[in-house]
PDB file of N, CA and C in Angstrom:
ATOM      1  N   MET A   1      61.756  93.784  80.182  1.00  0.00           N
ATOM      2  CA  MET A   1      63.403  93.578  80.101  1.00  0.00           C
ATOM      3  C   MET A   1      64.401  94.117  80.635  1.00  0.00           C
ATOM      4  N   PHE A   2      64.056  95.772  80.480  1.00  0.00           N
ATOM      5  CA  PHE A   2      64.844  97.221  81.135  1.00  0.00           C
ATOM      6  C   PHE A   2      65.454  96.579  82.200  1.00  0.00           C
ATOM      7  N   ARG A   3      64.461  95.687  83.228  1.00  0.00           N
ATOM      8  CA  ARG A   3      63.739  95.570  84.431  1.00  0.00           C
ATOM      9  C   ARG A   3      64.781  94.487  84.414  1.00  0.00           C
ATOM     10  N   LEU A   4      64.929  93.497  83.747  1.00  0.00           N
ATOM     11  CA  LEU A   4      65.622  91.928  83.739  1.00  0.00           C
ATOM     12  C   LEU A   4      66.965  92.145  83.780  1.00  0.00           C
ATOM     13  N   ARG A   5      67.190  93.450  83.212  1.00  0.00           N
ATOM     14  CA  ARG A   5      68.650  93.486  82.760  1.00  0.00           C
ATOM     15  C   ARG A   5      69.228  94.362  84.189  1.00  0.00           C
ATOM     16  N   PHE A   6      68.418  95.188  84.648  1.00  0.00           N
ATOM     17  CA  PHE A   6      68.931  96.111  85.554  1.00  0.00           C
ATOM     18  C   PHE A   6      68.905  95.338  86.771  1.00  0.00           C
ATOM     19  N   ALA A   7      68.204  94.693  87.399  1.00  0.00           N
ATOM     20  CA  ALA A   7      68.904  93.125  88.547  1.00  0.00           C
ATOM     21  C   ALA A   7      70.054  92.606  88.049  1.00  0.00           C
ATOM     22  N   ILE A   8      69.450  92.131  87.239  1.00  0.00           N
ATOM     23  CA  ILE A   8      71.121  91.664  86.986  1.00  0.00           C
ATOM     24  C   ILE A   8      72.328  92.133  86.629  1.00  0.00           C
ATOM     25  N   GLY A   9      72.009  93.420  86.782  1.00  0.00           N
ATOM     26  CA  GLY A   9      73.488  94.307  86.973  1.00  0.00           C
ATOM     27  C   GLY A   9      73.441  94.423  87.979  1.00  0.00           C
ATOM     28  N   LEU A  10      72.193  94.991  88.612  1.00  0.00           N
ATOM     29  CA  LEU A  10      72.290  95.682  90.116  1.00  0.00           C
ATOM     30  C   LEU A  10      73.319  93.726  91.686  1.00  0.00           C
ATOM     31  N   ILE A  11      72.841  92.737  90.527  1.00  0.00           N
ATOM     32  CA  ILE A  11      73.271  91.190  91.285  1.00  0.00           C
ATOM     33  C   ILE A  11      74.855  90.994  90.560  1.00  0.00           C
ATOM     34  N   VAL A  12      74.945  91.182  89.684  1.00  0.00           N
ATOM     35  CA  VAL A  12      76.540  91.196  88.983  1.00  0.00           C
ATOM     36  C   VAL A  12      77.461  92.000  90.251  1.00  0.00           C
ATOM     37  N   ALA A  13      76.943  94.111  89.826  1.00  0.00           N
ATOM     38  CA  ALA A  13      77.809  94.782  91.382  1.00  0.00           C
ATOM     39  C   ALA A  13      77.787  94.053  92.858  1.00  0.00           C
ATOM     40  N   ALA A  14      76.582  93.615  93.375  1.00  0.00           N
ATOM     41  CA  ALA A  14      76.947  93.139  94.969  1.00  0.00           C
ATOM     42  C   ALA A  14      77.248  91.982  94.576  1.00  0.00           C
ATOM     43  N   VAL A  15      77.107  91.266  93.705  1.00  0.00           N
ATOM     44  CA  VAL A  15      78.426  90.017  94.428  1.00  0.00           C
ATOM     45  C   VAL A  15      79.709  90.375  94.050  1.00  0.00           C
ATOM     46  N   SER A  16      80.337  91.744  92.611  1.00  0.00           N
ATOM     47  CA  SER A  16      81.780  91.986  92.359  1.00  0.00           C
ATOM     48  C   SER A  16      81.874  92.892  93.564  1.00  0.00           C
ATOM     49  N   THR A  17      81.537  93.885  94.188  1.00  0.00           N
ATOM     50  CA  THR A  17      81.495  94.473  95.706  1.00  0.00           C
ATOM     51  C   THR A  17      81.598  92.706  96.778  1.00  0.00           C
ATOM     52  N   ALA A  18      81.026  92.103  97.086  1.00  0.00           N
ATOM     53  CA  ALA A  18      81.169  91.214  97.661  1.00  0.00           C
ATOM     54  C   ALA A  18      82.166  90.435  97.612  1.00  0.00           C
ATOM     55  N   VAL A  19      83.212  89.955  96.429  1.00  0.00           N
ATOM     56  CA  VAL A  19      84.202  89.548  96.138  1.00  0.00           C
ATOM     57  C   VAL A  19      85.443  90.522  96.009  1.00  0.00           C
ATOM     58  N   LEU A  20      85.215  91.936  95.933  1.00  0.00           N
ATOM     59  CA  LEU A  20      86.529  92.714  96.043  1.00  0.00           C
ATOM     60  C   LEU A  20      86.099  92.617  97.629  1.00  0.00           C
ATOM     61  N   ALA A  21      85.827  92.767  98.822  1.00  0.00           N
ATOM     62  CA  ALA A  21      85.831  93.230  99.402  1.00  0.00           C
ATOM     63  C   ALA A  21      85.884  91.761 100.471  1.00  0.00           C
ATOM     64  N   GLU A  22      85.622  90.755  99.952  1.00  0.00           N
ATOM     65  CA  GLU A  22      86.506  88.893 100.911  1.00  0.00           C
ATOM     66  C   GLU A  22      87.934  89.408  99.958  1.00  0.00           C
ATOM     67  N   GLU A  23      88.620  89.676  99.001  1.00  0.00           N
ATOM     68  CA  GLU A  23      90.177  89.677  99.048  1.00  0.00           C
ATOM     69  C   GLU A  23      90.655  90.774  99.761  1.00  0.00           C
ATOM     70  N   LEU A  24      90.507  91.645 100.770  1.00  0.00           N
ATOM     71  CA  LEU A  24      90.933  92.391 101.822  1.00  0.00           C
ATOM     72  C   LEU A  24      90.943  91.888 103.142  1.00  0.00           C
ATOM     73  N   TYR A  25      92.684  92.283 103.916  1.00  0.00           N
ATOM     74  CA  TYR A  25      92.508  92.545 104.714  1.00  0.00           C
ATOM     75  C   TYR A  25      91.350  93.157 105.323  1.00  0.00           C
ATOM     76  N   SER A  26      91.004  92.155 106.262  1.00  0.00           N
ATOM     77  CA  SER A  26      90.405  93.002 107.462  1.00  0.00           C
ATOM     78  C   SER A  26      90.368  94.217 107.711  1.00  0.00           C
ATOM     79  N   ASP A  27      89.463  95.091 108.166  1.00  0.00           N
ATOM     80  CA  ASP A  27      89.961  96.360 108.810  1.00  0.00           C
ATOM     81  C   ASP A  27      89.829  96.822 110.115  1.00  0.00           C
ATOM     82  N   LYS A  28      89.436  95.602 110.670  1.00  0.00           N
ATOM     83  CA  LYS A  28      89.657  96.073 112.326  1.00  0.00           C
ATOM     84  C   LYS A  28      90.241  96.836 113.426  1.00  0.00           C
ATOM     85  N   TYR A  29      92.105  96.810 112.899  1.00  0.00           N
ATOM     86  CA  TYR A  29      92.823  97.526 113.409  1.00  0.00           C
ATOM     87  C   TYR A  29      93.268  98.659 111.901  1.00  0.00           C
ATOM     88  N   ASP A  30      92.268  99.019 111.565  1.00  0.00           N
ATOM     89  CA  ASP A  30      92.820 100.372 110.843  1.00  0.00           C
ATOM     90  C   ASP A  30      93.146 101.739 111.665  1.00  0.00           C
ATOM     91  N   TYR A  31      92.475 101.229 112.964  1.00  0.00           N
ATOM     92  CA  TYR A  31      92.229 102.855 113.541  1.00  0.00           C
ATOM     93  C   TYR A  31      93.414 103.198 114.426  1.00  0.00           C
ATOM     94  N   ILE A  32      94.220 101.751 114.307  1.00  0.00           N
ATOM     95  CA  ILE A  32      95.884 101.635 114.735  1.00  0.00           C
ATOM     96  C   ILE A  32      97.203 103.193 114.243  1.00  0.00           C
ATOM     97  N   LYS A  33      96.880 103.756 114.714  1.00  0.00           N
ATOM     98  CA  LYS A  33      97.619 105.353 114.258  1.00  0.00           C
ATOM     99  C   LYS A  33      99.673 105.300 114.125  1.00  0.00           C
ATOM    100  N   PRO A  34      99.955 104.645 113.397  1.00  0.00           N
ATOM    101  CA  PRO A  34     101.784 103.507 113.622  1.00  0.00           C
ATOM    102  C   PRO A  34     103.153 104.966 114.023  1.00  0.00           C
ATOM    103  N   GLU A  35     102.747 106.584 113.490  1.00  0.00           N
ATOM    104  CA  GLU A  35     103.344 107.543 114.318  1.00  0.00           C
ATOM    105  C   GLU A  35     103.262 107.179 115.870  1.00  0.00           C
ATOM    106  N   GLU A  36     102.456 106.930 116.290  1.00  0.00           N
ATOM    107  CA  GLU A  36     102.196 106.749 117.706  1.00  0.00           C
ATOM    108  C   GLU A  36     103.136 105.975 118.460  1.00  0.00           C
ATOM    109  N   ILE A  37     103.164 105.619 118.048  1.00  0.00           N
ATOM    110  CA  ILE A  37     103.981 103.397 118.155  1.00  0.00           C
ATOM    111  C   ILE A  37     105.661 103.957 117.773  1.00  0.00           C
ATOM    112  N   LEU A  38     105.681 104.441 116.780  1.00  0.00           N
ATOM    113  CA  LEU A  38     106.926 104.568 115.825  1.00  0.00           C
ATOM    114  C   LEU A  38     107.549 105.817 117.118  1.00  0.00           C
ATOM    115  N   GLU A  39     107.093 106.392 117.497  1.00  0.00           N
ATOM    116  CA  GLU A  39     107.234 107.529 118.384  1.00  0.00           C
ATOM    117  C   GLU A  39     108.490 107.207 119.711  1.00  0.00           C
ATOM    118  N   ASN A  40     107.020 105.854 120.442  1.00  0.00           N
ATOM    119  CA  ASN A  40     107.488 105.358 121.573  1.00  0.00           C
ATOM    120  C   ASN A  40     108.755 104.509 121.426  1.00  0.00           C
ATOM    121  N   ASN A  41     109.335 104.877 122.478  1.00  0.00           N
ATOM    122  CA  ASN A  41     110.710 103.309 121.976  1.00  0.00           C
ATOM    123  C   ASN A  41     109.784 101.720 122.231  1.00  0.00           C
ATOM    124  N   ARG A  42     109.936 102.355 123.651  1.00  0.00           N
ATOM    125  CA  ARG A  42     109.202 100.848 124.032  1.00  0.00           C
ATOM    126  C   ARG A  42     108.512 100.227 123.590  1.00  0.00           C
ATOM    127  N   LEU A  43     107.401 100.995 122.864  1.00  0.00           N
ATOM    128  CA  LEU A  43     106.127 100.506 121.674  1.00  0.00           C
ATOM    129  C   LEU A  43     106.250  99.405 120.894  1.00  0.00           C
ATOM    130  N   ARG A  44     107.263 100.240 120.012  1.00  0.00           N
ATOM    131  CA  ARG A  44     107.883 100.646 118.922  1.00  0.00           C
ATOM    132  C   ARG A  44     108.971  98.864 118.583  1.00  0.00           C
ATOM    133  N   ASP A  45     109.644  99.075 119.677  1.00  0.00           N
ATOM    134  CA  ASP A  45     110.854  97.521 120.441  1.00  0.00           C
ATOM    135  C   ASP A  45     110.077  96.393 120.389  1.00  0.00           C
ATOM    136  N   GLN A  46     108.924  96.475 121.028  1.00  0.00           N
ATOM    137  CA  GLN A  46     107.459  96.067 121.288  1.00  0.00           C
ATOM    138  C   GLN A  46     107.253  94.529 119.895  1.00  0.00           C
ATOM    139  N   TYR A  47     106.658  96.392 119.498  1.00  0.00           N
ATOM    140  CA  TYR A  47     106.014  95.200 117.780  1.00  0.00           C
ATOM    141  C   TYR A  47     106.918  94.659 117.169  1.00  0.00           C
ATOM    142  N   TYR A  48     108.436  95.290 116.996  1.00  0.00           N
ATOM    143  CA  TYR A  48     109.534  94.701 116.240  1.00  0.00           C
ATOM    144  C   TYR A  48     109.601  93.595 116.659  1.00  0.00           C
ATOM    145  N   ALA A  49     109.587  93.192 117.854  1.00  0.00           N
ATOM    146  CA  ALA A  49     110.484  91.961 118.457  1.00  0.00           C
ATOM    147  C   ALA A  49     109.569  91.360 117.784  1.00  0.00           C
ATOM    148  N   CYS A  50     108.015  90.897 118.241  1.00  0.00           N
ATOM    149  CA  CYS A  50     106.706  90.420 117.891  1.00  0.00           C
ATOM    150  C   CYS A  50     107.142  90.309 116.325  1.00  0.00           C
ATOM    151  N   PHE A  51     107.164  91.225 114.866  1.00  0.00           N
ATOM    152  CA  PHE A  51     107.064  90.688 114.109  1.00  0.00           C
ATOM    153  C   PHE A  51     108.227  90.204 113.879  1.00  0.00           C
ATOM    154  N   ILE A  52     109.761  90.044 113.986  1.00  0.00           N
ATOM    155  CA  ILE A  52     111.133  89.378 113.681  1.00  0.00           C
ATOM    156  C   ILE A  52     111.000  87.723 114.300  1.00  0.00           C
ATOM    157  N   GLY A  53     110.012  88.057 115.086  1.00  0.00           N
ATOM    158  CA  GLY A  53     109.974  86.621 116.146  1.00  0.00           C
ATOM    159  C   GLY A  53     111.092  86.364 116.648  1.00  0.00           C
ATOM    160  N   SER A  54     111.543  87.489 117.578  1.00  0.00           N
ATOM    161  CA  SER A  54     112.280  87.390 119.185  1.00  0.00           C
ATOM    162  C   SER A  54     111.580  87.252 120.426  1.00  0.00           C
ATOM    163  N   SER A  55     110.830  87.488 120.539  1.00  0.00           N
ATOM    164  CA  SER A  55     109.436  88.026 121.320  1.00  0.00           C
ATOM    165  C   SER A  55     108.185  87.771 120.732  1.00  0.00           C
ATOM    166  N   PRO A  56     106.728  87.268 122.039  1.00  0.00           N
ATOM    167  CA  PRO A  56     105.712  87.267 121.388  1.00  0.00           C
ATOM    168  C   PRO A  56     104.780  88.374 121.067  1.00  0.00           C
ATOM    169  N   CYS A  57     103.568  88.328 120.149  1.00  0.00           N
ATOM    170  CA  CYS A  57     102.901  89.048 119.957  1.00  0.00           C
ATOM    171  C   CYS A  57     102.400  89.638 121.181  1.00  0.00           C
ATOM    172  N   ILE A  58     101.739  91.085 121.838  1.00  0.00           N
ATOM    173  CA  ILE A  58     101.467  90.776 122.617  1.00  0.00           C
ATOM    174  C   ILE A  58      99.857  91.788 122.765  1.00  0.00           C
ATOM    175  N   THR A  59      99.508  91.677 121.858  1.00  0.00           N
ATOM    176  CA  THR A  59      98.523  92.684 121.544  1.00  0.00           C
ATOM    177  C   THR A  59      98.200  91.433 120.025  1.00  0.00           C
ATOM    178  N   PRO A  60      96.416  91.796 120.239  1.00  0.00           N
ATOM    179  CA  PRO A  60      95.826  90.748 118.640  1.00  0.00           C
ATOM    180  C   PRO A  60      96.439  92.057 117.828  1.00  0.00           C
ATOM    181  N   ASP A  61      96.848  93.274 117.907  1.00  0.00           N
ATOM    182  CA  ASP A  61      96.435  93.660 116.190  1.00  0.00           C
ATOM    183  C   ASP A  61      98.402  93.595 116.029  1.00  0.00           C
ATOM    184  N   ALA A  62      99.036  93.284 116.553  1.00  0.00           N
ATOM    185  CA  ALA A  62     100.610  92.990 116.403  1.00  0.00           C
ATOM    186  C   ALA A  62     100.617  91.312 115.734  1.00  0.00           C
ATOM    187  N   LYS A  63     100.141  90.547 116.695  1.00  0.00           N
ATOM    188  CA  LYS A  63      99.377  89.045 116.004  1.00  0.00           C
ATOM    189  C   LYS A  63      98.968  89.233 114.362  1.00  0.00           C
ATOM    190  N   PHE A  64      97.728  90.418 114.287  1.00  0.00           N
ATOM    191  CA  PHE A  64      96.883  90.033 113.043  1.00  0.00           C
ATOM    192  C   PHE A  64      98.305  91.428 111.761  1.00  0.00           C
ATOM    193  N   PHE A  65      98.679  91.618 112.068  1.00  0.00           N
ATOM    194  CA  PHE A  65     100.052  92.084 111.634  1.00  0.00           C
ATOM    195  C   PHE A  65     100.804  91.408 111.225  1.00  0.00           C
ATOM    196  N   LYS A  66     101.479  90.849 112.372  1.00  0.00           N
ATOM    197  CA  LYS A  66     102.446  89.757 111.731  1.00  0.00           C
ATOM    198  C   LYS A  66     102.218  88.661 110.746  1.00  0.00           C
ATOM    199  N   SER A  67     100.721  88.420 111.544  1.00  0.00           N
ATOM    200  CA  SER A  67     100.159  87.558 109.862  1.00  0.00           C
ATOM    201  C   SER A  67      99.933  87.762 108.649  1.00  0.00           C
ATOM    202  N   ASN A  68      99.845  89.070 108.231  1.00  0.00           N
ATOM    203  CA  ASN A  68      99.546  89.340 107.391  1.00  0.00           C
ATOM    204  C   ASN A  68     100.703  90.047 106.635  1.00  0.00           C
ATOM    205  N   PHE A  69     101.440  90.829 106.608  1.00  0.00           N
ATOM    206  CA  PHE A  69     103.245  91.295 106.772  1.00  0.00           C
ATOM    207  C   PHE A  69     103.104  89.789 105.340  1.00  0.00           C
ATOM    208  N   PRO A  70     103.690  89.274 105.452  1.00  0.00           N
ATOM    209  CA  PRO A  70     104.949  88.952 104.340  1.00  0.00           C
ATOM    210  C   PRO A  70     104.448  88.339 103.352  1.00  0.00           C
ATOM    211  N   GLU A  71     102.881  88.002 103.563  1.00  0.00           N
ATOM    212  CA  GLU A  71     102.107  88.007 101.830  1.00  0.00           C
ATOM    213  C   GLU A  71     101.659  89.663 101.629  1.00  0.00           C
ATOM    214  N   ALA A  72     101.580  90.801 102.354  1.00  0.00           N
ATOM    215  CA  ALA A  72     101.564  92.223 101.711  1.00  0.00           C
ATOM    216  C   ALA A  72     102.675  92.520 100.830  1.00  0.00           C
ATOM    217  N   ILE A  73     104.022  92.414 101.523  1.00  0.00           N
ATOM    218  CA  ILE A  73     105.386  92.480 101.395  1.00  0.00           C
ATOM    219  C   ILE A  73     105.044  91.750  99.751  1.00  0.00           C
ATOM    220  N   VAL A  74     105.308  90.335  99.537  1.00  0.00           N
ATOM    221  CA  VAL A  74     105.667  90.114  98.460  1.00  0.00           C
ATOM    222  C   VAL A  74     103.986  90.540  97.121  1.00  0.00           C
ATOM    223  N   THR A  75     103.292  90.507  97.762  1.00  0.00           N
ATOM    224  CA  THR A  75     102.017  91.068  96.977  1.00  0.00           C
ATOM    225  C   THR A  75     101.778  92.511  97.328  1.00  0.00           C
ATOM    226  N   GLN A  76     102.602  93.209  97.146  1.00  0.00           N
ATOM    227  CA  GLN A  76     102.760  94.999  97.130  1.00  0.00           C
ATOM    228  C   GLN A  76     101.151  95.293  98.368  1.00  0.00           C
ATOM    229  N   CYS A  77     101.107  94.700  98.899  1.00  0.00           N
ATOM    230  CA  CYS A  77      99.910  95.250 100.132  1.00  0.00           C
ATOM    231  C   CYS A  77      98.729  94.813  99.283  1.00  0.00           C
ATOM    232  N   ARG A  78      98.170  93.996  98.081  1.00  0.00           N
ATOM    233  CA  ARG A  78      97.090  93.650  96.754  1.00  0.00           C
ATOM    234  C   ARG A  78      96.966  93.953  97.802  1.00  0.00           C
ATOM    235  N   LYS A  79      95.968  93.114  98.818  1.00  0.00           N
ATOM    236  CA  LYS A  79      94.507  92.775 100.123  1.00  0.00           C
ATOM    237  C   LYS A  79      94.889  93.784 100.658  1.00  0.00           C
ATOM    238  N   CYS A  80      95.770  94.626 100.825  1.00  0.00           N
ATOM    239  CA  CYS A  80      95.386  95.787 102.040  1.00  0.00           C
ATOM    240  C   CYS A  80      94.375  97.021 101.242  1.00  0.00           C
ATOM    241  N   THR A  81      93.916  97.330 102.823  1.00  0.00           N
ATOM    242  CA  THR A  81      92.939  98.360 103.080  1.00  0.00           C
ATOM    243  C   THR A  81      93.534  99.816 102.410  1.00  0.00           C
ATOM    244  N   GLU A  82      93.384 101.075 102.214  1.00  0.00           N
ATOM    245  CA  GLU A  82      93.624 102.067 101.675  1.00  0.00           C
ATOM    246  C   GLU A  82      94.454 102.764 102.698  1.00  0.00           C
ATOM    247  N   LYS A  83      94.173 102.341 104.428  1.00  0.00           N
ATOM    248  CA  LYS A  83      94.675 103.170 105.710  1.00  0.00           C
ATOM    249  C   LYS A  83      96.264 101.560 105.731  1.00  0.00           C
ATOM    250  N   GLN A  84      95.939 100.886 105.411  1.00  0.00           N
ATOM    251  CA  GLN A  84      96.662 100.053 105.984  1.00  0.00           C
ATOM    252  C   GLN A  84      97.893 100.403 105.114  1.00  0.00           C
ATOM    253  N   LYS A  85      97.637 100.933 103.582  1.00  0.00           N
ATOM    254  CA  LYS A  85      98.899 101.055 102.553  1.00  0.00           C
ATOM    255  C   LYS A  85      99.588 102.311 103.480  1.00  0.00           C
ATOM    256  N   ARG A  86      98.812 103.360 103.516  1.00  0.00           N
ATOM    257  CA  ARG A  86      99.210 103.955 104.389  1.00  0.00           C
ATOM    258  C   ARG A  86      99.892 103.791 105.347  1.00  0.00           C
ATOM    259  N   MET A  87     100.198 102.707 106.805  1.00  0.00           N
ATOM    260  CA  MET A  87     100.266 102.465 107.507  1.00  0.00           C
ATOM    261  C   MET A  87     101.464 101.569 106.960  1.00  0.00           C
ATOM    262  N   PHE A  88     101.336 101.248 106.451  1.00  0.00           N
ATOM    263  CA  PHE A  88     103.071 100.641 105.728  1.00  0.00           C
ATOM    264  C   PHE A  88     103.929 101.548 105.460  1.00  0.00           C
ATOM    265  N   ASP A  89     103.571 102.169 104.247  1.00  0.00           N
ATOM    266  CA  ASP A  89     103.844 103.443 103.759  1.00  0.00           C
ATOM    267  C   ASP A  89     104.606 103.950 105.084  1.00  0.00           C
ATOM    268  N   THR A  90     103.677 104.491 106.520  1.00  0.00           N
ATOM    269  CA  THR A  90     104.546 104.884 107.539  1.00  0.00           C
ATOM    270  C   THR A  90     105.937 104.638 107.919  1.00  0.00           C
ATOM    271  N   LEU A  91     105.610 103.255 108.211  1.00  0.00           N
ATOM    272  CA  LEU A  91     106.767 102.312 108.631  1.00  0.00           C
ATOM    273  C   LEU A  91     107.854 101.918 108.112  1.00  0.00           C
ATOM    274  N   SER A  92     107.373 101.960 106.587  1.00  0.00           N
ATOM    275  CA  SER A  92     108.383 101.649 105.361  1.00  0.00           C
ATOM    276  C   SER A  92     109.623 102.909 105.386  1.00  0.00           C
ATOM    277  N   THR A  93     108.757 103.720 105.710  1.00  0.00           N
ATOM    278  CA  THR A  93     109.508 104.933 104.975  1.00  0.00           C
ATOM    279  C   THR A  93     110.032 105.706 106.932  1.00  0.00           C
ATOM    280  N   TRP A  94     110.251 105.235 107.869  1.00  0.00           N
ATOM    281  CA  TRP A  94     110.537 105.474 109.595  1.00  0.00           C
ATOM    282  C   TRP A  94     111.430 105.234 109.066  1.00  0.00           C
ATOM    283  N   TYR A  95     111.517 103.229 109.159  1.00  0.00           N
ATOM    284  CA  TYR A  95     112.865 102.439 109.663  1.00  0.00           C
ATOM    285  C   TYR A  95     113.824 102.653 108.058  1.00  0.00           C
ATOM    286  N   THR A  96     113.494 102.732 106.649  1.00  0.00           N
ATOM    287  CA  THR A  96     114.759 102.768 106.612  1.00  0.00           C
ATOM    288  C   THR A  96     114.892 103.823 106.225  1.00  0.00           C
ATOM    289  N   GLU A  97     115.109 104.674 106.787  1.00  0.00           N
ATOM    290  CA  GLU A  97     115.595 106.022 106.956  1.00  0.00           C
ATOM    291  C   GLU A  97     116.426 106.546 108.609  1.00  0.00           C
ATOM    292  N   LYS A  98     115.249 105.577 109.501  1.00  0.00           N
ATOM    293  CA  LYS A  98     115.924 105.622 110.550  1.00  0.00           C
ATOM    294  C   LYS A  98     117.303 104.077 111.492  1.00  0.00           C
ATOM    295  N   ARG A  99     116.195 102.856 111.280  1.00  0.00           N
ATOM    296  CA  ARG A  99     116.813 101.690 110.671  1.00  0.00           C
ATOM    297  C   ARG A  99     117.411 100.832 109.820  1.00  0.00           C
ATOM    298  N   PRO A 100     117.509 101.481 108.984  1.00  0.00           N
ATOM    299  CA  PRO A 100     117.380 100.321 108.069  1.00  0.00           C
ATOM    300  C   PRO A 100     118.198  99.021 107.737  1.00  0.00           C
ATOM    301  N   ASP A 101     118.969  98.395 108.759  1.00  0.00           N
ATOM    302  CA  ASP A 101     119.273  97.019 108.643  1.00  0.00           C
ATOM    303  C   ASP A 101     118.224  96.616 109.557  1.00  0.00           C
ATOM    304  N   GLU A 102     117.934  97.212 111.118  1.00  0.00           N
ATOM    305  CA  GLU A 102     116.823  96.677 111.551  1.00  0.00           C
ATOM    306  C   GLU A 102     115.159  95.982 109.962  1.00  0.00           C
ATOM    307  N   TRP A 103     115.181  97.382 108.989  1.00  0.00           N
ATOM    308  CA  TRP A 103     114.033  97.536 107.921  1.00  0.00           C
ATOM    309  C   TRP A 103     114.249  95.730 106.606  1.00  0.00           C
ATOM    310  N   LYS A 104     115.923  96.317 106.693  1.00  0.00           N
ATOM    311  CA  LYS A 104     116.102  94.847 105.899  1.00  0.00           C
ATOM    312  C   LYS A 104     116.328  93.488 106.479  1.00  0.00           C
ATOM    313  N   ALA A 105     116.630  92.988 107.393  1.00  0.00           N
ATOM    314  CA  ALA A 105     116.578  91.859 108.665  1.00  0.00           C
ATOM    315  C   ALA A 105     114.535  92.074 108.848  1.00  0.00           C
ATOM    316  N   LEU A 106     113.817  93.036 108.770  1.00  0.00           N
ATOM    317  CA  LEU A 106     112.285  91.936 108.932  1.00  0.00           C
ATOM    318  C   LEU A 106     111.723  91.915 107.436  1.00  0.00           C
ATOM    319  N   ILE A 107     111.721  92.741 106.197  1.00  0.00           N
ATOM    320  CA  ILE A 107     111.718  92.304 105.467  1.00  0.00           C
ATOM    321  C   ILE A 107     112.598  90.828 104.561  1.00  0.00           C
ATOM    322  N   ALA A 108     114.150  90.096 104.834  1.00  0.00           N
ATOM    323  CA  ALA A 108     114.245  89.311 104.636  1.00  0.00           C
ATOM    324  C   ALA A 108     113.104  88.015 105.321  1.00  0.00           C
ATOM    325  N   LYS A 109     113.359  89.063 106.520  1.00  0.00           N
ATOM    326  CA  LYS A 109     111.888  88.007 107.932  1.00  0.00           C
ATOM    327  C   LYS A 109     110.557  87.156 106.701  1.00  0.00           C
ATOM    328  N   PHE A 110     110.154  88.861 106.760  1.00  0.00           N
ATOM    329  CA  PHE A 110     109.103  87.769 105.823  1.00  0.00           C
ATOM    330  C   PHE A 110     108.693  87.666 104.657  1.00  0.00           C
ATOM    331  N   ILE A 111     109.854  87.435 103.483  1.00  0.00           N
ATOM    332  CA  ILE A 111     110.190  86.982 102.489  1.00  0.00           C
ATOM    333  C   ILE A 111     110.603  85.174 103.259  1.00  0.00           C
ATOM    334  N   GLU A 112     111.288  85.274 103.707  1.00  0.00           N
ATOM    335  CA  GLU A 112     111.251  83.354 104.133  1.00  0.00           C
ATOM    336  C   GLU A 112     109.842  83.259 104.672  1.00  0.00           C
ATOM    337  N   ASP A 113     109.360  83.575 105.419  1.00  0.00           N
ATOM    338  CA  ASP A 113     107.704  83.091 106.268  1.00  0.00           C
ATOM    339  C   ASP A 113     106.962  82.901 105.573  1.00  0.00           C
ATOM    340  N   ALA A 114     107.278  84.024 103.864  1.00  0.00           N
ATOM    341  CA  ALA A 114     106.184  84.453 103.190  1.00  0.00           C
ATOM    342  C   ALA A 114     106.000  82.800 101.743  1.00  0.00           C
ATOM    343  N   ARG A 115     107.586  82.555 101.864  1.00  0.00           N
ATOM    344  CA  ARG A 115     108.243  81.015 101.457  1.00  0.00           C
ATOM    345  C   ARG A 115     107.819  79.672 102.030  1.00  0.00           C
ATOM    346  N   LYS A 116     106.793  80.123 103.350  1.00  0.00           N
ATOM    347  CA  LYS A 116     107.265  78.926 103.677  1.00  0.00           C
ATOM    348  C   LYS A 116     106.122  78.395 103.756  1.00  0.00           C
ATOM    349  N   LYS A 117     104.372  79.602 103.799  1.00  0.00           N
ATOM    350  CA  LYS A 117     103.673  79.717 103.439  1.00  0.00           C
ATOM    351  C   LYS A 117     103.318  79.667 102.722  1.00  0.00           C
ATOM    352  N   LYS A 118     104.253  79.161 101.952  1.00  0.00           N
ATOM    353  CA  LYS A 118     104.264  78.907 100.200  1.00  0.00           C
ATOM    354  C   LYS A 118     102.969  79.972  99.064  1.00  0.00           C
ATOM    355  N   ILE A 119     103.888  81.197  99.971  1.00  0.00           N
ATOM    356  CA  ILE A 119     102.944  82.536  99.241  1.00  0.00           C
ATOM    357  C   ILE A 119     104.358  82.660  98.557  1.00  0.00           C
ATOM    358  N   ILE A 120     104.951  82.099  97.618  1.00  0.00           N
ATOM    359  CA  ILE A 120     106.326  82.516  96.690  1.00  0.00           C
ATOM    360  C   ILE A 120     106.964  81.673  96.891  1.00  0.00           C
ATOM    361  N   SER A 121     107.627  81.131  95.872  1.00  0.00           N
ATOM    362  CA  SER A 121     108.307  79.997  95.499  1.00  0.00           C
ATOM    363  C   SER A 121     110.429  79.895  96.008  1.00  0.00           C
TER     364      SER A 121
END
């Protein structure tokens, strides 16, 4: 009986872990260092233009983040990995301190995109 309960417990734990892992965004681009992007005017402006929609997203990571940011904004990064949460905090702090108007425009764009995707009403 103990072995059966133990086996069931292991199965439940494995399924719970799998479900939790499915709920997070991919960590494929967690190696990105937002500080390096923010310090480089050309890169920073390129990413911002991608996110705001005024020019195409050139890199796969920019496309990935642009597609997930609207949901991440409205859900307070519920599906973000810990690294993505830190990345987002770094970006939001930098923009709110140094370019608050751009940050407000970006947040408004993400909220609009989230509404279009029916993430929020």
